[in-house]
Amino acid sequence: MSVGLRQTGTGLLHQDQDCRYDLAENLPSAWPVSATLGLTDAEILPPDIAELFTATGALCRSSQEEQSIEFHLSVGKRRQLIEARFVPDGDGLIIVLVDVTDERSREAAVNALLREVSHRSKNLLAIVQSVAMQTARHSDSIQDFLDKFRGRLHALSSTQDLVTESNWQGTHFQSLVTSQLSRVVPSLLRELRITGDNPLLGPNAALHIGLAIHELAANAVIHGALSTGSPGHVWVDARIETRPGRPRNLTIEWQETGIETGKSPQPPRFGTMVLERIVPLSVGGKASFSLDQDHLSYRLTVPGDQFEI
C-alpha cells in the first residue's frame, strides 16, 4: 500500500473512535510531526488547522457523509496546499491527503488566461465595431465599404496572429511592419527600408499601430510611393528616446519620397482619422501627418508604458 500511495502522491490517516491516529502513511513533506500515531489533532497540527480538522471530523461522524477541506502547510519557503477528504468507517475516520498545490496553480493560471482572453476579445470587438461604423460612414457605396473594411479587418487579424503567437505579450515593431506590408503587396517590400530600434509593442499598441501601418501602406499602394509606375520609396524608422528625468518615448516615422508628380497621397477621410486621432488617442501618444507634392511624412510618439525594450 505504501508504494501505491507514494506513486500517486497520496497520504493516508486513520483516526480511531477516541480521535487518535492509529495509521499514518506517506504524509505530506510539510506535515508538522513525524510521530503521528497515538496523537490527536491538537497535538499535531497548528491551532487553526487542528480546529478545522476536529470540526470536519465531528461533522463527518455525525452525518456519516464524506467531507472535504483544503489547508496550507509550510515547508521551508514553500507552501503546500493540501486537500483532505474525511471518509467515515466503522472504526472511526479515514482521512485521505493529496497535495494539490500544482493543480491549483495550473487552474489559477488557466483562469487568469481565460480572463485575459475575454478582456482582449472584448477590446478587439470594440475596435472592429468602431472600424466598421467609421468605414461605413466614409464609404461611397456598399462595394467601397466592403473593400475598405475587408482590408482593415485583415490588418487587425494579421496583428492579432502575431500577438497570439507571443502568448499575448505583443509583437516586435519590425515584425509588425513587415507583416502589414507583406499582406498588402508582398512584392513591394523591396521598396521598403526599416531602420532603428525594434521594441516589443504591447497588445494594445500593436493592434492600433498595425492599423496605422495598414492605412499608410494601402494609401502608398493606391496613391503614393508604392503605386504602379512610381519611382518612390518608403522609409520606416523607430527610435526610443530617453531623456533625463522624463519617461522614455518611442517615436515612429513613416516617410514616402519620390512620389510621382500628379499623385494625391492624401489618405481617405477615415484613414486620416485613424492616423491623426484614433491611433494616438488609443496608445496615449501624439501624431502628426504632413504631405507635399512628392513627399509624405507621418510621425507617431508612443509613451513608454506601451512597449518594452
C-alpha atoms as a PDB file:
ATOM      1  CA  MET A   1       0.000   0.000   0.000  1.00  0.00           C
ATOM      2  CA  SER A   2       2.832   2.458   0.825  1.00  0.00           C
ATOM      3  CA  VAL A   3       4.327   2.093  -2.669  1.00  0.00           C
ATOM      4  CA  GLY A   4       0.980   2.824  -4.302  1.00  0.00           C
ATOM      5  CA  LEU A   5       0.421   5.867  -2.104  1.00  0.00           C
ATOM      6  CA  ARG A   6       3.860   7.267  -2.918  1.00  0.00           C
ATOM      7  CA  GLN A   7       3.344   6.763  -6.645  1.00  0.00           C
ATOM      8  CA  THR A   8       0.084   8.707  -6.564  1.00  0.00           C
ATOM      9  CA  GLY A   9       1.294  11.352  -4.105  1.00  0.00           C
ATOM     10  CA  THR A  10      -1.466  10.441  -1.660  1.00  0.00           C
ATOM     11  CA  GLY A  11      -1.248  10.418   2.128  1.00  0.00           C
ATOM     12  CA  LEU A  12      -3.448   8.331   4.390  1.00  0.00           C
ATOM     13  CA  LEU A  13      -4.501   8.719   8.007  1.00  0.00           C
ATOM     14  CA  HIS A  14      -6.896   6.728  10.182  1.00  0.00           C
ATOM     15  CA  GLN A  15      -8.450   8.099  13.349  1.00  0.00           C
ATOM     16  CA  ASP A  16      -9.975   5.751  15.926  1.00  0.00           C
ATOM     17  CA  GLN A  17     -13.129   6.294  17.959  1.00  0.00           C
ATOM     18  CA  ASP A  18     -11.133   8.293  20.546  1.00  0.00           C
ATOM     19  CA  CYS A  19      -9.972  10.724  17.797  1.00  0.00           C
ATOM     20  CA  ARG A  20      -6.387   9.457  17.984  1.00  0.00           C
ATOM     21  CA  TYR A  21      -4.423   8.415  14.913  1.00  0.00           C
ATOM     22  CA  ASP A  22      -3.612   4.732  14.608  1.00  0.00           C
ATOM     23  CA  LEU A  23      -2.445   4.758  10.968  1.00  0.00           C
ATOM     24  CA  ALA A  24      -0.243   7.226   9.068  1.00  0.00           C
ATOM     25  CA  GLU A  25       1.176   6.533   5.601  1.00  0.00           C
ATOM     26  CA  ASN A  26       3.030   8.780   3.106  1.00  0.00           C
ATOM     27  CA  LEU A  27       2.215  12.069   4.818  1.00  0.00           C
ATOM     28  CA  PRO A  28       2.982  15.364   3.021  1.00  0.00           C
ATOM     29  CA  SER A  29       6.536  16.666   3.347  1.00  0.00           C
ATOM     30  CA  ALA A  30       5.241  19.674   5.303  1.00  0.00           C
ATOM     31  CA  TRP A  31       3.392  17.540   7.860  1.00  0.00           C
ATOM     32  CA  PRO A  32       4.287  19.096  11.262  1.00  0.00           C
ATOM     33  CA  VAL A  33       5.384  15.950  13.174  1.00  0.00           C
ATOM     34  CA  SER A  34       6.808  12.567  12.326  1.00  0.00           C
ATOM     35  CA  ALA A  35       5.369  10.685  15.329  1.00  0.00           C
ATOM     36  CA  THR A  36       1.682  10.922  14.429  1.00  0.00           C
ATOM     37  CA  LEU A  37       0.469   7.632  15.880  1.00  0.00           C
ATOM     38  CA  GLY A  38      -1.395   7.906  19.159  1.00  0.00           C
ATOM     39  CA  LEU A  39      -1.777  11.683  18.925  1.00  0.00           C
ATOM     40  CA  THR A  40      -4.809  13.923  18.404  1.00  0.00           C
ATOM     41  CA  ASP A  41      -5.332  16.825  16.004  1.00  0.00           C
ATOM     42  CA  ALA A  42      -4.415  19.388  18.674  1.00  0.00           C
ATOM     43  CA  GLU A  43      -1.150  17.591  19.422  1.00  0.00           C
ATOM     44  CA  ILE A  44      -0.056  17.516  15.760  1.00  0.00           C
ATOM     45  CA  LEU A  45      -1.391  20.466  13.834  1.00  0.00           C
ATOM     46  CA  PRO A  46      -1.233  24.262  14.248  1.00  0.00           C
ATOM     47  CA  PRO A  47      -4.245  25.514  16.274  1.00  0.00           C
ATOM     48  CA  ASP A  48      -6.252  26.885  13.346  1.00  0.00           C
ATOM     49  CA  ILE A  49      -5.805  23.743  11.241  1.00  0.00           C
ATOM     50  CA  ALA A  50      -6.365  21.470  14.240  1.00  0.00           C
ATOM     51  CA  GLU A  51      -9.673  23.236  14.934  1.00  0.00           C
ATOM     52  CA  LEU A  52     -10.695  22.799  11.281  1.00  0.00           C
ATOM     53  CA  PHE A  53      -9.753  19.094  11.354  1.00  0.00           C
ATOM     54  CA  THR A  54     -11.678  18.460  14.586  1.00  0.00           C
ATOM     55  CA  ALA A  55     -14.808  20.261  13.362  1.00  0.00           C
ATOM     56  CA  THR A  56     -14.761  18.496   9.991  1.00  0.00           C
ATOM     57  CA  GLY A  57     -14.184  15.116  11.649  1.00  0.00           C
ATOM     58  CA  ALA A  58     -17.099  15.689  14.008  1.00  0.00           C
ATOM     59  CA  LEU A  59     -19.371  16.606  11.092  1.00  0.00           C
ATOM     60  CA  CYS A  60     -18.280  13.521   9.166  1.00  0.00           C
ATOM     61  CA  ARG A  61     -19.017  11.251  12.135  1.00  0.00           C
ATOM     62  CA  SER A  62     -22.418  12.789  12.836  1.00  0.00           C
ATOM     63  CA  SER A  63     -23.603  12.895   9.226  1.00  0.00           C
ATOM     64  CA  GLN A  64     -21.848   9.706   8.100  1.00  0.00           C
ATOM     65  CA  GLU A  65     -21.090  11.538   4.860  1.00  0.00           C
ATOM     66  CA  GLU A  66     -17.754  12.316   3.226  1.00  0.00           C
ATOM     67  CA  GLN A  67     -16.401  15.809   3.917  1.00  0.00           C
ATOM     68  CA  SER A  68     -13.604  17.717   2.208  1.00  0.00           C
ATOM     69  CA  ILE A  69     -11.403  20.662   3.231  1.00  0.00           C
ATOM     70  CA  GLU A  70      -8.249  22.408   1.977  1.00  0.00           C
ATOM     71  CA  PHE A  71      -5.490  23.900   4.099  1.00  0.00           C
ATOM     72  CA  HIS A  72      -1.924  25.159   3.786  1.00  0.00           C
ATOM     73  CA  LEU A  73       1.215  23.703   5.326  1.00  0.00           C
ATOM     74  CA  SER A  74       4.641  25.310   5.054  1.00  0.00           C
ATOM     75  CA  VAL A  75       7.931  23.547   4.359  1.00  0.00           C
ATOM     76  CA  GLY A  76      10.835  25.986   4.222  1.00  0.00           C
ATOM     77  CA  LYS A  77       9.819  28.790   1.855  1.00  0.00           C
ATOM     78  CA  ARG A  78       7.288  26.649   0.014  1.00  0.00           C
ATOM     79  CA  ARG A  79       3.645  26.383   0.977  1.00  0.00           C
ATOM     80  CA  GLN A  80       1.783  23.205   0.210  1.00  0.00           C
ATOM     81  CA  LEU A  81      -1.946  23.285  -0.405  1.00  0.00           C
ATOM     82  CA  ILE A  82      -3.392  20.033   0.905  1.00  0.00           C
ATOM     83  CA  GLU A  83      -6.810  18.625   0.197  1.00  0.00           C
ATOM     84  CA  ALA A  84      -8.155  16.390   2.978  1.00  0.00           C
ATOM     85  CA  ARG A  85     -11.104  14.083   2.389  1.00  0.00           C
ATOM     86  CA  PHE A  86     -12.760  12.676   5.531  1.00  0.00           C
ATOM     87  CA  VAL A  87     -14.488   9.324   4.980  1.00  0.00           C
ATOM     88  CA  PRO A  88     -16.431   7.612   7.810  1.00  0.00           C
ATOM     89  CA  ASP A  89     -15.853   3.946   8.543  1.00  0.00           C
ATOM     90  CA  GLY A  90     -16.962   1.606  11.295  1.00  0.00           C
ATOM     91  CA  ASP A  91     -13.869   2.172  13.426  1.00  0.00           C
ATOM     92  CA  GLY A  92     -13.544   5.937  13.092  1.00  0.00           C
ATOM     93  CA  LEU A  93     -12.385   8.069  10.173  1.00  0.00           C
ATOM     94  CA  ILE A  94     -10.216   7.612   7.112  1.00  0.00           C
ATOM     95  CA  ILE A  95      -8.520  10.842   6.018  1.00  0.00           C
ATOM     96  CA  VAL A  96      -7.031  10.985   2.506  1.00  0.00           C
ATOM     97  CA  LEU A  97      -4.443  13.741   1.971  1.00  0.00           C
ATOM     98  CA  VAL A  98      -3.489  14.982  -1.500  1.00  0.00           C
ATOM     99  CA  ASP A  99      -1.025  17.782  -2.353  1.00  0.00           C
ATOM    100  CA  VAL A 100      -2.979  19.940  -4.809  1.00  0.00           C
ATOM    101  CA  THR A 101      -0.518  22.865  -4.908  1.00  0.00           C
ATOM    102  CA  ASP A 102       0.487  22.401  -8.551  1.00  0.00           C
ATOM    103  CA  GLU A 103      -3.046  21.574  -9.653  1.00  0.00           C
ATOM    104  CA  ARG A 104      -4.464  24.754  -8.121  1.00  0.00           C
ATOM    105  CA  SER A 105      -1.619  26.795  -9.603  1.00  0.00           C
ATOM    106  CA  ARG A 106      -2.452  25.439 -13.047  1.00  0.00           C
ATOM    107  CA  GLU A 107      -6.130  26.180 -12.511  1.00  0.00           C
ATOM    108  CA  ALA A 108      -5.307  29.734 -11.432  1.00  0.00           C
ATOM    109  CA  ALA A 109      -3.085  30.210 -14.499  1.00  0.00           C
ATOM    110  CA  VAL A 110      -5.795  28.910 -16.834  1.00  0.00           C
ATOM    111  CA  ASN A 111      -8.432  31.116 -15.203  1.00  0.00           C
ATOM    112  CA  ALA A 112      -6.155  34.155 -15.485  1.00  0.00           C
ATOM    113  CA  LEU A 113      -5.533  33.344 -19.152  1.00  0.00           C
ATOM    114  CA  LEU A 114      -9.257  32.969 -19.825  1.00  0.00           C
ATOM    115  CA  ARG A 115      -9.946  36.328 -18.188  1.00  0.00           C
ATOM    116  CA  GLU A 116      -7.185  37.888 -20.295  1.00  0.00           C
ATOM    117  CA  VAL A 117      -8.567  36.306 -23.470  1.00  0.00           C
ATOM    118  CA  SER A 118     -12.042  37.589 -22.610  1.00  0.00           C
ATOM    119  CA  HIS A 119     -10.693  41.083 -21.943  1.00  0.00           C
ATOM    120  CA  ARG A 120      -8.650  41.157 -25.151  1.00  0.00           C
ATOM    121  CA  SER A 121     -11.545  39.766 -27.185  1.00  0.00           C
ATOM    122  CA  LYS A 122     -13.898  42.470 -25.924  1.00  0.00           C
ATOM    123  CA  ASN A 123     -11.326  45.134 -26.770  1.00  0.00           C
ATOM    124  CA  LEU A 124     -10.839  43.682 -30.244  1.00  0.00           C
ATOM    125  CA  LEU A 125     -14.587  43.505 -30.859  1.00  0.00           C
ATOM    126  CA  ALA A 126     -14.914  47.153 -29.802  1.00  0.00           C
ATOM    127  CA  ILE A 127     -12.173  48.108 -32.273  1.00  0.00           C
ATOM    128  CA  VAL A 128     -13.829  46.110 -35.064  1.00  0.00           C
ATOM    129  CA  GLN A 129     -17.187  47.735 -34.312  1.00  0.00           C
ATOM    130  CA  SER A 130     -15.635  51.205 -34.411  1.00  0.00           C
ATOM    131  CA  VAL A 131     -13.785  50.447 -37.661  1.00  0.00           C
ATOM    132  CA  ALA A 132     -16.965  49.105 -39.267  1.00  0.00           C
ATOM    133  CA  MET A 133     -19.033  52.138 -38.273  1.00  0.00           C
ATOM    134  CA  GLN A 134     -16.440  54.682 -39.360  1.00  0.00           C
ATOM    135  CA  THR A 135     -15.694  52.845 -42.621  1.00  0.00           C
ATOM    136  CA  ALA A 136     -19.412  52.775 -43.448  1.00  0.00           C
ATOM    137  CA  ARG A 137     -19.710  56.487 -42.659  1.00  0.00           C
ATOM    138  CA  HIS A 138     -16.894  57.356 -45.085  1.00  0.00           C
ATOM    139  CA  SER A 139     -17.768  54.936 -47.903  1.00  0.00           C
ATOM    140  CA  ASP A 140     -19.474  55.923 -51.146  1.00  0.00           C
ATOM    141  CA  SER A 141     -21.044  52.526 -51.873  1.00  0.00           C
ATOM    142  CA  ILE A 142     -21.503  49.056 -50.440  1.00  0.00           C
ATOM    143  CA  GLN A 143     -18.648  47.735 -52.569  1.00  0.00           C
ATOM    144  CA  ASP A 144     -16.423  50.596 -51.432  1.00  0.00           C
ATOM    145  CA  PHE A 145     -17.282  49.747 -47.808  1.00  0.00           C
ATOM    146  CA  LEU A 146     -16.593  46.040 -48.316  1.00  0.00           C
ATOM    147  CA  ASP A 147     -13.221  46.665 -49.943  1.00  0.00           C
ATOM    148  CA  LYS A 148     -12.043  49.061 -47.252  1.00  0.00           C
ATOM    149  CA  PHE A 149     -13.484  47.149 -44.299  1.00  0.00           C
ATOM    150  CA  ARG A 150     -12.077  43.828 -45.535  1.00  0.00           C
ATOM    151  CA  GLY A 151      -8.585  45.315 -45.721  1.00  0.00           C
ATOM    152  CA  ARG A 152      -8.791  46.821 -42.245  1.00  0.00           C
ATOM    153  CA  LEU A 153     -10.230  43.636 -40.792  1.00  0.00           C
ATOM    154  CA  HIS A 154      -7.395  41.612 -42.311  1.00  0.00           C
ATOM    155  CA  ALA A 155      -4.903  44.108 -40.874  1.00  0.00           C
ATOM    156  CA  LEU A 156      -6.320  43.590 -37.370  1.00  0.00           C
ATOM    157  CA  SER A 157      -6.367  39.822 -37.899  1.00  0.00           C
ATOM    158  CA  SER A 158      -2.726  39.776 -39.001  1.00  0.00           C
ATOM    159  CA  THR A 159      -1.633  41.733 -35.927  1.00  0.00           C
ATOM    160  CA  GLN A 160      -3.791  39.563 -33.663  1.00  0.00           C
ATOM    161  CA  ASP A 161      -1.997  36.468 -35.008  1.00  0.00           C
ATOM    162  CA  LEU A 162       1.371  37.975 -34.036  1.00  0.00           C
ATOM    163  CA  VAL A 163       0.108  38.874 -30.562  1.00  0.00           C
ATOM    164  CA  THR A 164      -1.384  35.411 -30.010  1.00  0.00           C
ATOM    165  CA  GLU A 165       1.804  33.663 -31.133  1.00  0.00           C
ATOM    166  CA  SER A 166       3.692  35.555 -28.399  1.00  0.00           C
ATOM    167  CA  ASN A 167       1.279  34.349 -25.675  1.00  0.00           C
ATOM    168  CA  TRP A 168      -0.320  37.800 -25.535  1.00  0.00           C
ATOM    169  CA  GLN A 169       2.970  39.550 -24.832  1.00  0.00           C
ATOM    170  CA  GLY A 170       2.729  41.649 -28.011  1.00  0.00           C
ATOM    171  CA  THR A 171       4.916  41.800 -31.105  1.00  0.00           C
ATOM    172  CA  HIS A 172       8.140  43.454 -32.195  1.00  0.00           C
ATOM    173  CA  PHE A 173       7.762  46.611 -34.236  1.00  0.00           C
ATOM    174  CA  GLN A 174       9.696  45.468 -37.305  1.00  0.00           C
ATOM    175  CA  SER A 175       7.754  42.186 -37.470  1.00  0.00           C
ATOM    176  CA  LEU A 176       4.538  44.207 -37.354  1.00  0.00           C
ATOM    177  CA  VAL A 177       5.621  46.463 -40.228  1.00  0.00           C
ATOM    178  CA  THR A 178       6.777  43.533 -42.359  1.00  0.00           C
ATOM    179  CA  SER A 179       3.557  41.624 -41.668  1.00  0.00           C
ATOM    180  CA  GLN A 180       1.338  44.529 -42.702  1.00  0.00           C
ATOM    181  CA  LEU A 181       3.346  45.393 -45.826  1.00  0.00           C
ATOM    182  CA  SER A 182       3.626  41.776 -46.980  1.00  0.00           C
ATOM    183  CA  ARG A 183      -0.123  41.375 -46.593  1.00  0.00           C
ATOM    184  CA  VAL A 184      -0.891  44.476 -48.712  1.00  0.00           C
ATOM    185  CA  VAL A 185       1.602  43.926 -51.565  1.00  0.00           C
ATOM    186  CA  PRO A 186       4.388  41.398 -50.841  1.00  0.00           C
ATOM    187  CA  SER A 187       6.393  42.250 -53.967  1.00  0.00           C
ATOM    188  CA  LEU A 188       6.843  45.863 -52.885  1.00  0.00           C
ATOM    189  CA  LEU A 189       8.817  45.014 -49.740  1.00  0.00           C
ATOM    190  CA  ARG A 190      11.965  45.709 -51.737  1.00  0.00           C
ATOM    191  CA  GLU A 191      10.936  49.378 -51.838  1.00  0.00           C
ATOM    192  CA  LEU A 192      10.753  49.461 -48.042  1.00  0.00           C
ATOM    193  CA  ARG A 193      13.588  50.372 -45.682  1.00  0.00           C
ATOM    194  CA  ILE A 194      13.182  49.695 -41.931  1.00  0.00           C
ATOM    195  CA  THR A 195      15.712  51.184 -39.521  1.00  0.00           C
ATOM    196  CA  GLY A 196      16.169  51.995 -35.856  1.00  0.00           C
ATOM    197  CA  ASP A 197      15.049  50.207 -32.701  1.00  0.00           C
ATOM    198  CA  ASN A 198      12.857  47.136 -32.583  1.00  0.00           C
ATOM    199  CA  PRO A 199      10.894  47.307 -29.306  1.00  0.00           C
ATOM    200  CA  LEU A 200       8.266  44.829 -28.179  1.00  0.00           C
ATOM    201  CA  LEU A 201       4.909  46.554 -28.544  1.00  0.00           C
ATOM    202  CA  GLY A 202       2.197  45.620 -26.068  1.00  0.00           C
ATOM    203  CA  PRO A 203      -1.024  44.050 -27.422  1.00  0.00           C
ATOM    204  CA  ASN A 204      -2.989  47.316 -27.421  1.00  0.00           C
ATOM    205  CA  ALA A 205      -0.207  49.287 -29.109  1.00  0.00           C
ATOM    206  CA  ALA A 206       0.393  46.507 -31.633  1.00  0.00           C
ATOM    207  CA  LEU A 207      -3.251  46.420 -32.758  1.00  0.00           C
ATOM    208  CA  HIS A 208      -3.531  50.169 -33.235  1.00  0.00           C
ATOM    209  CA  ILE A 209      -0.082  50.776 -34.704  1.00  0.00           C
ATOM    210  CA  GLY A 210      -0.704  47.835 -37.046  1.00  0.00           C
ATOM    211  CA  LEU A 211      -3.894  49.542 -38.199  1.00  0.00           C
ATOM    212  CA  ALA A 212      -1.944  52.771 -38.819  1.00  0.00           C
ATOM    213  CA  ILE A 213       0.699  50.899 -40.830  1.00  0.00           C
ATOM    214  CA  HIS A 214      -2.082  49.317 -42.880  1.00  0.00           C
ATOM    215  CA  GLU A 215      -3.645  52.707 -43.674  1.00  0.00           C
ATOM    216  CA  LEU A 216      -0.267  54.133 -44.685  1.00  0.00           C
ATOM    217  CA  ALA A 217       0.637  51.078 -46.773  1.00  0.00           C
ATOM    218  CA  ALA A 218      -2.740  50.907 -48.533  1.00  0.00           C
ATOM    219  CA  ASN A 219      -2.552  54.618 -49.325  1.00  0.00           C
ATOM    220  CA  ALA A 220       1.029  54.274 -50.578  1.00  0.00           C
ATOM    221  CA  VAL A 221      -0.010  51.486 -52.958  1.00  0.00           C
ATOM    222  CA  ILE A 222      -3.005  53.404 -54.335  1.00  0.00           C
ATOM    223  CA  HIS A 223      -1.756  56.986 -54.328  1.00  0.00           C
ATOM    224  CA  GLY A 224       1.800  57.188 -53.037  1.00  0.00           C
ATOM    225  CA  ALA A 225       5.335  55.885 -53.263  1.00  0.00           C
ATOM    226  CA  LEU A 226       4.365  52.230 -53.772  1.00  0.00           C
ATOM    227  CA  SER A 227       1.865  52.834 -56.573  1.00  0.00           C
ATOM    228  CA  THR A 228       2.433  51.365 -60.021  1.00  0.00           C
ATOM    229  CA  GLY A 229       4.991  53.350 -62.000  1.00  0.00           C
ATOM    230  CA  SER A 230       6.018  55.494 -59.058  1.00  0.00           C
ATOM    231  CA  PRO A 231       9.788  55.942 -58.529  1.00  0.00           C
ATOM    232  CA  GLY A 232       9.236  56.464 -54.820  1.00  0.00           C
ATOM    233  CA  HIS A 233      10.450  54.654 -51.726  1.00  0.00           C
ATOM    234  CA  VAL A 234       9.212  54.142 -48.173  1.00  0.00           C
ATOM    235  CA  TRP A 235      11.362  54.501 -45.081  1.00  0.00           C
ATOM    236  CA  VAL A 236      10.131  53.410 -41.650  1.00  0.00           C
ATOM    237  CA  ASP A 237      12.163  54.307 -38.600  1.00  0.00           C
ATOM    238  CA  ALA A 238      11.650  53.700 -34.858  1.00  0.00           C
ATOM    239  CA  ARG A 239      13.687  55.388 -32.149  1.00  0.00           C
ATOM    240  CA  ILE A 240      13.469  55.040 -28.382  1.00  0.00           C
ATOM    241  CA  GLU A 241      14.096  58.432 -26.824  1.00  0.00           C
ATOM    242  CA  THR A 242      15.347  58.580 -23.248  1.00  0.00           C
ATOM    243  CA  ARG A 243      15.646  61.964 -21.578  1.00  0.00           C
ATOM    244  CA  PRO A 244      16.932  62.567 -18.017  1.00  0.00           C
ATOM    245  CA  GLY A 245      14.109  62.915 -15.538  1.00  0.00           C
ATOM    246  CA  ARG A 246      11.407  62.199 -18.120  1.00  0.00           C
ATOM    247  CA  PRO A 247       9.653  58.993 -19.261  1.00  0.00           C
ATOM    248  CA  ARG A 248      11.035  57.336 -22.375  1.00  0.00           C
ATOM    249  CA  ASN A 249       9.096  57.510 -25.628  1.00  0.00           C
ATOM    250  CA  LEU A 250       9.073  55.587 -28.889  1.00  0.00           C
ATOM    251  CA  THR A 251       8.996  57.744 -31.998  1.00  0.00           C
ATOM    252  CA  ILE A 252       7.827  56.023 -35.188  1.00  0.00           C
ATOM    253  CA  GLU A 253       8.263  57.751 -38.540  1.00  0.00           C
ATOM    254  CA  TRP A 254       6.893  56.772 -41.942  1.00  0.00           C
ATOM    255  CA  GLN A 255       8.441  58.680 -44.846  1.00  0.00           C
ATOM    256  CA  GLU A 256       7.474  58.406 -48.518  1.00  0.00           C
ATOM    257  CA  THR A 257       9.745  60.115 -51.037  1.00  0.00           C
ATOM    258  CA  GLY A 258       9.788  60.474 -54.806  1.00  0.00           C
ATOM    259  CA  ILE A 259       6.035  60.310 -55.226  1.00  0.00           C
ATOM    260  CA  GLU A 260       5.094  60.674 -58.878  1.00  0.00           C
ATOM    261  CA  THR A 261       4.046  64.194 -59.812  1.00  0.00           C
ATOM    262  CA  GLY A 262       0.297  64.492 -60.046  1.00  0.00           C
ATOM    263  CA  LYS A 263      -0.399  61.746 -57.499  1.00  0.00           C
ATOM    264  CA  SER A 264      -2.547  62.701 -54.495  1.00  0.00           C
ATOM    265  CA  PRO A 265      -1.132  60.933 -51.443  1.00  0.00           C
ATOM    266  CA  GLN A 266      -3.795  62.232 -49.039  1.00  0.00           C
ATOM    267  CA  PRO A 267      -5.406  59.201 -47.316  1.00  0.00           C
ATOM    268  CA  PRO A 268      -9.208  58.948 -47.362  1.00  0.00           C
ATOM    269  CA  ARG A 269     -11.095  60.683 -44.567  1.00  0.00           C
ATOM    270  CA  PHE A 270     -11.276  57.702 -42.227  1.00  0.00           C
ATOM    271  CA  GLY A 271      -7.636  56.868 -42.919  1.00  0.00           C
ATOM    272  CA  THR A 272      -6.671  60.372 -41.840  1.00  0.00           C
ATOM    273  CA  MET A 273      -8.805  59.991 -38.721  1.00  0.00           C
ATOM    274  CA  VAL A 274      -7.060  56.699 -37.873  1.00  0.00           C
ATOM    275  CA  LEU A 275      -3.615  58.238 -38.259  1.00  0.00           C
ATOM    276  CA  GLU A 276      -4.177  61.585 -36.592  1.00  0.00           C
ATOM    277  CA  ARG A 277      -6.784  60.816 -33.920  1.00  0.00           C
ATOM    278  CA  ILE A 278      -7.721  57.193 -33.254  1.00  0.00           C
ATOM    279  CA  VAL A 279      -4.244  55.624 -33.049  1.00  0.00           C
ATOM    280  CA  PRO A 280      -2.535  58.343 -30.952  1.00  0.00           C
ATOM    281  CA  LEU A 281      -5.536  58.525 -28.614  1.00  0.00           C
ATOM    282  CA  SER A 282      -5.607  54.717 -28.199  1.00  0.00           C
ATOM    283  CA  VAL A 283      -1.921  54.499 -27.227  1.00  0.00           C
ATOM    284  CA  GLY A 284      -1.840  57.722 -25.214  1.00  0.00           C
ATOM    285  CA  GLY A 285       0.584  59.389 -27.632  1.00  0.00           C
ATOM    286  CA  LYS A 286       0.739  62.129 -30.251  1.00  0.00           C
ATOM    287  CA  ALA A 287       0.794  62.104 -34.050  1.00  0.00           C
ATOM    288  CA  SER A 288       1.475  64.464 -36.928  1.00  0.00           C
ATOM    289  CA  PHE A 289       0.797  63.984 -40.618  1.00  0.00           C
ATOM    290  CA  SER A 290       2.075  66.132 -43.464  1.00  0.00           C
ATOM    291  CA  LEU A 291       2.455  65.910 -47.231  1.00  0.00           C
ATOM    292  CA  ASP A 292       3.563  67.984 -50.177  1.00  0.00           C
ATOM    293  CA  GLN A 293       3.892  67.355 -53.914  1.00  0.00           C
ATOM    294  CA  ASP A 294       6.380  64.464 -53.709  1.00  0.00           C
ATOM    295  CA  HIS A 295       6.819  63.700 -50.017  1.00  0.00           C
ATOM    296  CA  LEU A 296       4.607  62.250 -47.260  1.00  0.00           C
ATOM    297  CA  SER A 297       5.528  62.115 -43.578  1.00  0.00           C
ATOM    298  CA  TYR A 298       3.790  60.529 -40.582  1.00  0.00           C
ATOM    299  CA  ARG A 299       5.203  60.722 -37.070  1.00  0.00           C
ATOM    300  CA  LEU A 300       3.756  58.880 -34.053  1.00  0.00           C
ATOM    301  CA  THR A 301       5.038  59.235 -30.493  1.00  0.00           C
ATOM    302  CA  VAL A 302       4.226  56.297 -28.194  1.00  0.00           C
ATOM    303  CA  PRO A 303       4.691  56.507 -24.391  1.00  0.00           C
ATOM    304  CA  GLY A 304       6.893  54.039 -22.531  1.00  0.00           C
ATOM    305  CA  ASP A 305       4.058  52.052 -20.943  1.00  0.00           C
ATOM    306  CA  GLN A 306       3.067  50.746 -24.381  1.00  0.00           C
ATOM    307  CA  PHE A 307       6.338  48.947 -25.212  1.00  0.00           C
ATOM    308  CA  GLU A 308       9.358  47.136 -23.807  1.00  0.00           C
ATOM    309  CA  ILE A 309      12.959  47.254 -24.935  1.00  0.00           C
END
